[in-house]
Amino acid sequence: METVFHELKDGWNLVAHINCKLYSNDNEFVLLDWDNDILIQFTINDDSFESNSSSWGLKLRFNYNSKTIYIDNEPEEFEDE
C-alpha cells in the first residue's frame, strides 16, 4: 500500500493511503477516503487522541511513543471475471 505521512499538531503524525484527503481546523481533523467518505473524525491535543466518529471497518493503529496514527484502510481491488 502506498502511503503518505502527514505532520499534525503537537508532535502528532498520521500515515494513511496516498489517495486519502486530510482536512483540519486547528486540532480537529477529518480524513476522507478515495470515495470522499469520512474514514475518521478526530481531535488531538498535546498528549491525547480522541475519535469523534469513524466509519465501520476502520483499520486504526497507534504508536504512542512517536505519536503516530496509522490508518491501514485501502481501496478494494476487483479482479475482472
PDB file of N, CA and C in Angstrom:
ATOM      1  N   MET A   1       0.854  -1.178   0.000  1.00  0.00           N
ATOM      2  CA  MET A   1       0.000   0.000   0.000  1.00  0.00           C
ATOM      3  C   MET A   1       0.895   1.234   0.000  1.00  0.00           C
ATOM      4  N   GLU A   2       0.597   2.169  -0.896  1.00  0.00           N
ATOM      5  CA  GLU A   2       1.335   3.425  -0.952  1.00  0.00           C
ATOM      6  C   GLU A   2       0.713   4.400   0.039  1.00  0.00           C
ATOM      7  N   THR A   3       1.538   4.955   0.929  1.00  0.00           N
ATOM      8  CA  THR A   3       1.037   5.835   1.986  1.00  0.00           C
ATOM      9  C   THR A   3       1.661   7.215   1.891  1.00  0.00           C
ATOM     10  N   VAL A   4       1.073   8.131   2.643  1.00  0.00           N
ATOM     11  CA  VAL A   4       1.598   9.484   2.770  1.00  0.00           C
ATOM     12  C   VAL A   4       1.657   9.806   4.262  1.00  0.00           C
ATOM     13  N   PHE A   5       2.675  10.569   4.648  1.00  0.00           N
ATOM     14  CA  PHE A   5       2.937  10.941   6.032  1.00  0.00           C
ATOM     15  C   PHE A   5       2.511  12.395   6.216  1.00  0.00           C
ATOM     16  N   HIS A   6       1.624  12.636   7.191  1.00  0.00           N
ATOM     17  CA  HIS A   6       1.162  13.996   7.488  1.00  0.00           C
ATOM     18  C   HIS A   6       1.654  14.393   8.874  1.00  0.00           C
ATOM     19  N   GLU A   7       2.307  15.543   8.980  1.00  0.00           N
ATOM     20  CA  GLU A   7       2.642  16.096  10.284  1.00  0.00           C
ATOM     21  C   GLU A   7       1.440  16.881  10.768  1.00  0.00           C
ATOM     22  N   LEU A   8       0.953  16.546  11.953  1.00  0.00           N
ATOM     23  CA  LEU A   8      -0.221  17.197  12.506  1.00  0.00           C
ATOM     24  C   LEU A   8       0.218  18.262  13.505  1.00  0.00           C
ATOM     25  N   LYS A   9      -0.442  18.362  14.611  1.00  0.00           N
ATOM     26  CA  LYS A   9      -0.163  19.356  15.629  1.00  0.00           C
ATOM     27  C   LYS A   9       0.374  18.673  16.880  1.00  0.00           C
ATOM     28  N   ASP A  10       1.125  19.410  17.687  1.00  0.00           N
ATOM     29  CA  ASP A  10       1.633  18.924  18.974  1.00  0.00           C
ATOM     30  C   ASP A  10       2.470  17.660  18.841  1.00  0.00           C
ATOM     31  N   GLY A  11       3.179  17.503  17.715  1.00  0.00           N
ATOM     32  CA  GLY A  11       4.059  16.356  17.522  1.00  0.00           C
ATOM     33  C   GLY A  11       3.382  15.101  17.012  1.00  0.00           C
ATOM     34  N   TRP A  12       2.090  15.164  16.731  1.00  0.00           N
ATOM     35  CA  TRP A  12       1.355  14.015  16.212  1.00  0.00           C
ATOM     36  C   TRP A  12       1.580  13.876  14.713  1.00  0.00           C
ATOM     37  N   ASN A  13       1.472  12.638  14.222  1.00  0.00           N
ATOM     38  CA  ASN A  13       1.632  12.326  12.804  1.00  0.00           C
ATOM     39  C   ASN A  13       0.524  11.376  12.377  1.00  0.00           C
ATOM     40  N   LEU A  14       0.244  11.385  11.082  1.00  0.00           N
ATOM     41  CA  LEU A  14      -0.762  10.493  10.519  1.00  0.00           C
ATOM     42  C   LEU A  14      -0.184   9.856   9.269  1.00  0.00           C
ATOM     43  N   VAL A  15      -0.331   8.536   9.155  1.00  0.00           N
ATOM     44  CA  VAL A  15       0.068   7.798   7.966  1.00  0.00           C
ATOM     45  C   VAL A  15      -1.179   7.133   7.414  1.00  0.00           C
ATOM     46  N   ALA A  16      -1.478   7.419   6.134  1.00  0.00           N
ATOM     47  CA  ALA A  16      -2.694   6.872   5.513  1.00  0.00           C
ATOM     48  C   ALA A  16      -2.437   6.656   4.023  1.00  0.00           C
ATOM     49  N   HIS A  17      -3.371   5.981   3.379  1.00  0.00           N
ATOM     50  CA  HIS A  17      -3.279   5.724   1.942  1.00  0.00           C
ATOM     51  C   HIS A  17      -3.112   7.046   1.199  1.00  0.00           C
ATOM     52  N   ILE A  18      -2.323   7.033   0.149  1.00  0.00           N
ATOM     53  CA  ILE A  18      -1.995   8.249  -0.593  1.00  0.00           C
ATOM     54  C   ILE A  18      -3.221   8.927  -1.198  1.00  0.00           C
ATOM     55  N   ASN A  19      -4.297   8.188  -1.444  1.00  0.00           N
ATOM     56  CA  ASN A  19      -5.500   8.772  -2.037  1.00  0.00           C
ATOM     57  C   ASN A  19      -6.489   9.311  -1.014  1.00  0.00           C
ATOM     58  N   CYS A  20      -6.149   9.261   0.268  1.00  0.00           N
ATOM     59  CA  CYS A  20      -6.998   9.852   1.298  1.00  0.00           C
ATOM     60  C   CYS A  20      -6.736  11.355   1.362  1.00  0.00           C
ATOM     61  N   LYS A  21      -7.748  12.096   1.819  1.00  0.00           N
ATOM     62  CA  LYS A  21      -7.632  13.550   1.933  1.00  0.00           C
ATOM     63  C   LYS A  21      -7.830  13.936   3.393  1.00  0.00           C
ATOM     64  N   LEU A  22      -6.936  14.789   3.889  1.00  0.00           N
ATOM     65  CA  LEU A  22      -6.981  15.229   5.277  1.00  0.00           C
ATOM     66  C   LEU A  22      -7.350  16.706   5.332  1.00  0.00           C
ATOM     67  N   TYR A  23      -8.344  17.027   6.170  1.00  0.00           N
ATOM     68  CA  TYR A  23      -8.760  18.413   6.384  1.00  0.00           C
ATOM     69  C   TYR A  23      -8.676  18.706   7.875  1.00  0.00           C
ATOM     70  N   SER A  24      -8.288  19.947   8.212  1.00  0.00           N
ATOM     71  CA  SER A  24      -8.144  20.265   9.632  1.00  0.00           C
ATOM     72  C   SER A  24      -8.638  21.668   9.943  1.00  0.00           C
ATOM     73  N   ASN A  25      -8.965  21.840  11.207  1.00  0.00           N
ATOM     74  CA  ASN A  25      -9.350  23.118  11.771  1.00  0.00           C
ATOM     75  C   ASN A  25      -8.724  23.148  13.157  1.00  0.00           C
ATOM     76  N   ASP A  26      -7.549  23.722  13.253  1.00  0.00           N
ATOM     77  CA  ASP A  26      -6.763  23.768  14.483  1.00  0.00           C
ATOM     78  C   ASP A  26      -6.405  22.353  14.931  1.00  0.00           C
ATOM     79  N   ASN A  27      -7.052  21.817  15.963  1.00  0.00           N
ATOM     80  CA  ASN A  27      -6.698  20.478  16.424  1.00  0.00           C
ATOM     81  C   ASN A  27      -7.766  19.433  16.105  1.00  0.00           C
ATOM     82  N   GLU A  28      -8.702  19.767  15.221  1.00  0.00           N
ATOM     83  CA  GLU A  28      -9.739  18.839  14.784  1.00  0.00           C
ATOM     84  C   GLU A  28      -9.462  18.438  13.341  1.00  0.00           C
ATOM     85  N   PHE A  29      -9.644  17.152  13.032  1.00  0.00           N
ATOM     86  CA  PHE A  29      -9.283  16.620  11.727  1.00  0.00           C
ATOM     87  C   PHE A  29     -10.385  15.723  11.179  1.00  0.00           C
ATOM     88  N   VAL A  30     -10.479  15.695   9.850  1.00  0.00           N
ATOM     89  CA  VAL A  30     -11.372  14.779   9.141  1.00  0.00           C
ATOM     90  C   VAL A  30     -10.545  14.138   8.041  1.00  0.00           C
ATOM     91  N   LEU A  31     -10.580  12.810   7.967  1.00  0.00           N
ATOM     92  CA  LEU A  31      -9.876  12.072   6.923  1.00  0.00           C
ATOM     93  C   LEU A  31     -10.912  11.431   6.013  1.00  0.00           C
ATOM     94  N   LEU A  32     -10.867  11.808   4.725  1.00  0.00           N
ATOM     95  CA  LEU A  32     -11.769  11.234   3.724  1.00  0.00           C
ATOM     96  C   LEU A  32     -11.043  10.146   2.955  1.00  0.00           C
ATOM     97  N   ASP A  33     -11.781   9.119   2.561  1.00  0.00           N
ATOM     98  CA  ASP A  33     -11.169   8.064   1.762  1.00  0.00           C
ATOM     99  C   ASP A  33     -11.204   8.441   0.284  1.00  0.00           C
ATOM    100  N   TRP A  34     -10.815   7.522  -0.563  1.00  0.00           N
ATOM    101  CA  TRP A  34     -10.709   7.712  -2.015  1.00  0.00           C
ATOM    102  C   TRP A  34     -12.067   7.924  -2.667  1.00  0.00           C
ATOM    103  N   ASP A  35     -13.174   7.598  -1.968  1.00  0.00           N
ATOM    104  CA  ASP A  35     -14.530   7.838  -2.467  1.00  0.00           C
ATOM    105  C   ASP A  35     -15.161   9.066  -1.810  1.00  0.00           C
ATOM    106  N   ASN A  36     -14.358   9.838  -1.091  1.00  0.00           N
ATOM    107  CA  ASN A  36     -14.800  11.027  -0.347  1.00  0.00           C
ATOM    108  C   ASN A  36     -15.769  10.708   0.778  1.00  0.00           C
ATOM    109  N   ASP A  37     -15.693   9.493   1.313  1.00  0.00           N
ATOM    110  CA  ASP A  37     -16.439   9.115   2.512  1.00  0.00           C
ATOM    111  C   ASP A  37     -15.548   9.370   3.725  1.00  0.00           C
ATOM    112  N   ILE A  38     -16.159   9.745   4.840  1.00  0.00           N
ATOM    113  CA  ILE A  38     -15.376  10.008   6.052  1.00  0.00           C
ATOM    114  C   ILE A  38     -14.880   8.698   6.641  1.00  0.00           C
ATOM    115  N   LEU A  39     -13.560   8.566   6.760  1.00  0.00           N
ATOM    116  CA  LEU A  39     -12.976   7.418   7.456  1.00  0.00           C
ATOM    117  C   LEU A  39     -12.974   7.668   8.953  1.00  0.00           C
ATOM    118  N   ILE A  40     -12.546   8.880   9.341  1.00  0.00           N
ATOM    119  CA  ILE A  40     -12.490   9.194  10.764  1.00  0.00           C
ATOM    120  C   ILE A  40     -12.492  10.705  10.965  1.00  0.00           C
ATOM    121  N   GLN A  41     -13.133  11.115  12.040  1.00  0.00           N
ATOM    122  CA  GLN A  41     -13.076  12.491  12.512  1.00  0.00           C
ATOM    123  C   GLN A  41     -12.455  12.405  13.897  1.00  0.00           C
ATOM    124  N   PHE A  42     -11.388  13.190  14.145  1.00  0.00           N
ATOM    125  CA  PHE A  42     -10.705  13.082  15.430  1.00  0.00           C
ATOM    126  C   PHE A  42     -10.148  14.414  15.890  1.00  0.00           C
ATOM    127  N   THR A  43      -9.831  14.455  17.182  1.00  0.00           N
ATOM    128  CA  THR A  43      -9.242  15.626  17.825  1.00  0.00           C
ATOM    129  C   THR A  43      -7.965  15.184  18.522  1.00  0.00           C
ATOM    130  N   ILE A  44      -6.931  16.017  18.414  1.00  0.00           N
ATOM    131  CA  ILE A  44      -5.698  15.732  19.142  1.00  0.00           C
ATOM    132  C   ILE A  44      -5.328  16.922  20.007  1.00  0.00           C
ATOM    133  N   ASN A  45      -4.683  16.632  21.105  1.00  0.00           N
ATOM    134  CA  ASN A  45      -4.080  17.629  21.972  1.00  0.00           C
ATOM    135  C   ASN A  45      -2.688  17.130  22.278  1.00  0.00           C
ATOM    136  N   ASP A  46      -1.963  17.849  23.080  1.00  0.00           N
ATOM    137  CA  ASP A  46      -0.572  17.511  23.336  1.00  0.00           C
ATOM    138  C   ASP A  46      -0.358  16.032  23.611  1.00  0.00           C
ATOM    139  N   ASP A  47      -1.148  15.442  24.498  1.00  0.00           N
ATOM    140  CA  ASP A  47      -0.923  14.043  24.868  1.00  0.00           C
ATOM    141  C   ASP A  47      -2.157  13.170  24.710  1.00  0.00           C
ATOM    142  N   SER A  48      -3.143  13.604  23.911  1.00  0.00           N
ATOM    143  CA  SER A  48      -4.341  12.792  23.786  1.00  0.00           C
ATOM    144  C   SER A  48      -4.866  12.764  22.353  1.00  0.00           C
ATOM    145  N   PHE A  49      -5.533  11.674  22.036  1.00  0.00           N
ATOM    146  CA  PHE A  49      -6.206  11.460  20.765  1.00  0.00           C
ATOM    147  C   PHE A  49      -7.631  11.054  21.087  1.00  0.00           C
ATOM    148  N   GLU A  50      -8.597  11.674  20.416  1.00  0.00           N
ATOM    149  CA  GLU A  50      -9.995  11.318  20.626  1.00  0.00           C
ATOM    150  C   GLU A  50     -10.685  11.176  19.277  1.00  0.00           C
ATOM    151  N   SER A  51     -11.275  10.025  19.048  1.00  0.00           N
ATOM    152  CA  SER A  51     -12.053   9.790  17.834  1.00  0.00           C
ATOM    153  C   SER A  51     -13.472  10.257  18.082  1.00  0.00           C
ATOM    154  N   ASN A  52     -13.926  11.230  17.286  1.00  0.00           N
ATOM    155  CA  ASN A  52     -15.285  11.757  17.424  1.00  0.00           C
ATOM    156  C   ASN A  52     -16.282  10.908  16.655  1.00  0.00           C
ATOM    157  N   SER A  53     -15.844  10.349  15.522  1.00  0.00           N
ATOM    158  CA  SER A  53     -16.661   9.410  14.755  1.00  0.00           C
ATOM    159  C   SER A  53     -15.756   8.717  13.749  1.00  0.00           C
ATOM    160  N   SER A  54     -16.183   7.543  13.323  1.00  0.00           N
ATOM    161  CA  SER A  54     -15.391   6.804  12.338  1.00  0.00           C
ATOM    162  C   SER A  54     -16.300   5.883  11.545  1.00  0.00           C
ATOM    163  N   SER A  55     -15.801   5.464  10.403  1.00  0.00           N
ATOM    164  CA  SER A  55     -16.581   4.566   9.559  1.00  0.00           C
ATOM    165  C   SER A  55     -16.452   3.139  10.063  1.00  0.00           C
ATOM    166  N   TRP A  56     -17.423   2.342   9.700  1.00  0.00           N
ATOM    167  CA  TRP A  56     -17.384   0.927  10.034  1.00  0.00           C
ATOM    168  C   TRP A  56     -16.214   0.303   9.283  1.00  0.00           C
ATOM    169  N   GLY A  57     -15.472  -0.548   9.918  1.00  0.00           N
ATOM    170  CA  GLY A  57     -14.354  -1.226   9.276  1.00  0.00           C
ATOM    171  C   GLY A  57     -13.063  -0.431   9.272  1.00  0.00           C
ATOM    172  N   LEU A  58     -12.983   0.628  10.062  1.00  0.00           N
ATOM    173  CA  LEU A  58     -11.763   1.427  10.135  1.00  0.00           C
ATOM    174  C   LEU A  58     -10.635   0.579  10.707  1.00  0.00           C
ATOM    175  N   LYS A  59      -9.505   0.573  10.023  1.00  0.00           N
ATOM    176  CA  LYS A  59      -8.314  -0.151  10.490  1.00  0.00           C
ATOM    177  C   LYS A  59      -7.347   0.892  11.032  1.00  0.00           C
ATOM    178  N   LEU A  60      -7.283   0.991  12.347  1.00  0.00           N
ATOM    179  CA  LEU A  60      -6.563   2.055  13.036  1.00  0.00           C
ATOM    180  C   LEU A  60      -5.507   1.464  13.957  1.00  0.00           C
ATOM    181  N   ARG A  61      -4.287   2.010  13.889  1.00  0.00           N
ATOM    182  CA  ARG A  61      -3.203   1.601  14.791  1.00  0.00           C
ATOM    183  C   ARG A  61      -2.536   2.857  15.341  1.00  0.00           C
ATOM    184  N   PHE A  62      -1.882   2.721  16.489  1.00  0.00           N
ATOM    185  CA  PHE A  62      -1.146   3.824  17.110  1.00  0.00           C
ATOM    186  C   PHE A  62       0.253   3.383  17.482  1.00  0.00           C
ATOM    187  N   ASN A  63       1.172   4.327  17.430  1.00  0.00           N
ATOM    188  CA  ASN A  63       2.457   4.196  18.094  1.00  0.00           C
ATOM    189  C   ASN A  63       2.523   5.390  19.032  1.00  0.00           C
ATOM    190  N   TYR A  64       2.232   5.147  20.307  1.00  0.00           N
ATOM    191  CA  TYR A  64       2.160   6.252  21.262  1.00  0.00           C
ATOM    192  C   TYR A  64       3.524   6.874  21.523  1.00  0.00           C
ATOM    193  N   ASN A  65       4.600   6.109  21.392  1.00  0.00           N
ATOM    194  CA  ASN A  65       5.931   6.671  21.602  1.00  0.00           C
ATOM    195  C   ASN A  65       6.255   7.748  20.581  1.00  0.00           C
ATOM    196  N   SER A  66       5.880   7.529  19.333  1.00  0.00           N
ATOM    197  CA  SER A  66       6.151   8.514  18.282  1.00  0.00           C
ATOM    198  C   SER A  66       4.937   9.379  17.955  1.00  0.00           C
ATOM    199  N   LYS A  67       3.822   9.188  18.694  1.00  0.00           N
ATOM    200  CA  LYS A  67       2.578   9.926  18.464  1.00  0.00           C
ATOM    201  C   LYS A  67       2.133   9.795  17.005  1.00  0.00           C
ATOM    202  N   THR A  68       2.180   8.573  16.488  1.00  0.00           N
ATOM    203  CA  THR A  68       1.807   8.335  15.094  1.00  0.00           C
ATOM    204  C   THR A  68       0.541   7.494  15.021  1.00  0.00           C
ATOM    205  N   ILE A  69      -0.392   7.963  14.194  1.00  0.00           N
ATOM    206  CA  ILE A  69      -1.658   7.285  13.930  1.00  0.00           C
ATOM    207  C   ILE A  69      -1.543   6.657  12.548  1.00  0.00           C
ATOM    208  N   TYR A  70      -1.850   5.379  12.446  1.00  0.00           N
ATOM    209  CA  TYR A  70      -1.809   4.674  11.162  1.00  0.00           C
ATOM    210  C   TYR A  70      -3.232   4.278  10.778  1.00  0.00           C
ATOM    211  N   ILE A  71      -3.633   4.644   9.576  1.00  0.00           N
ATOM    212  CA  ILE A  71      -4.908   4.209   9.017  1.00  0.00           C
ATOM    213  C   ILE A  71      -4.555   3.211   7.918  1.00  0.00           C
ATOM    214  N   ASP A  72      -4.906   1.957   8.115  1.00  0.00           N
ATOM    215  CA  ASP A  72      -4.480   0.889   7.203  1.00  0.00           C
ATOM    216  C   ASP A  72      -5.515   0.551   6.133  1.00  0.00           C
ATOM    217  N   ASN A  73      -6.594   1.313   6.044  1.00  0.00           N
ATOM    218  CA  ASN A  73      -7.593   1.060   5.002  1.00  0.00           C
ATOM    219  C   ASN A  73      -7.017   1.422   3.636  1.00  0.00           C
ATOM    220  N   GLU A  74      -7.433   0.656   2.628  1.00  0.00           N
ATOM    221  CA  GLU A  74      -7.022   0.940   1.253  1.00  0.00           C
ATOM    222  C   GLU A  74      -8.143   0.552   0.305  1.00  0.00           C
ATOM    223  N   PRO A  75      -8.141   1.114  -0.919  1.00  0.00           N
ATOM    224  CA  PRO A  75      -9.217   0.786  -1.855  1.00  0.00           C
ATOM    225  C   PRO A  75      -9.245  -0.715  -2.141  1.00  0.00           C
ATOM    226  N   GLU A  76     -10.443  -1.219  -2.287  1.00  0.00           N
ATOM    227  CA  GLU A  76     -10.572  -2.633  -2.652  1.00  0.00           C
ATOM    228  C   GLU A  76     -10.186  -2.793  -4.107  1.00  0.00           C
ATOM    229  N   GLU A  77      -9.503  -3.877  -4.392  1.00  0.00           N
ATOM    230  CA  GLU A  77      -9.124  -4.173  -5.763  1.00  0.00           C
ATOM    231  C   GLU A  77     -10.039  -5.272  -6.283  1.00  0.00           C
ATOM    232  N   PHE A  78     -10.665  -5.033  -7.413  1.00  0.00           N
ATOM    233  CA  PHE A  78     -11.562  -6.002  -8.000  1.00  0.00           C
ATOM    234  C   PHE A  78     -10.901  -6.619  -9.214  1.00  0.00           C
ATOM    235  N   GLU A  79     -11.010  -7.917  -9.297  1.00  0.00           N
ATOM    236  CA  GLU A  79     -10.450  -8.638 -10.453  1.00  0.00           C
ATOM    237  C   GLU A  79     -11.528  -8.803 -11.506  1.00  0.00           C
ATOM    238  N   ASP A  80     -11.135  -8.715 -12.782  1.00  0.00           N
ATOM    239  CA  ASP A  80     -12.088  -8.965 -13.864  1.00  0.00           C
ATOM    240  C   ASP A  80     -12.415 -10.450 -13.878  1.00  0.00           C
ATOM    241  N   GLU A  81     -13.691 -10.749 -13.987  1.00  0.00           N
ATOM    242  CA  GLU A  81     -14.092 -12.156 -14.006  1.00  0.00           C
ATOM    243  C   GLU A  81     -14.528 -12.549 -15.383  1.00  0.00           C
TER     244      GLU A  81
END
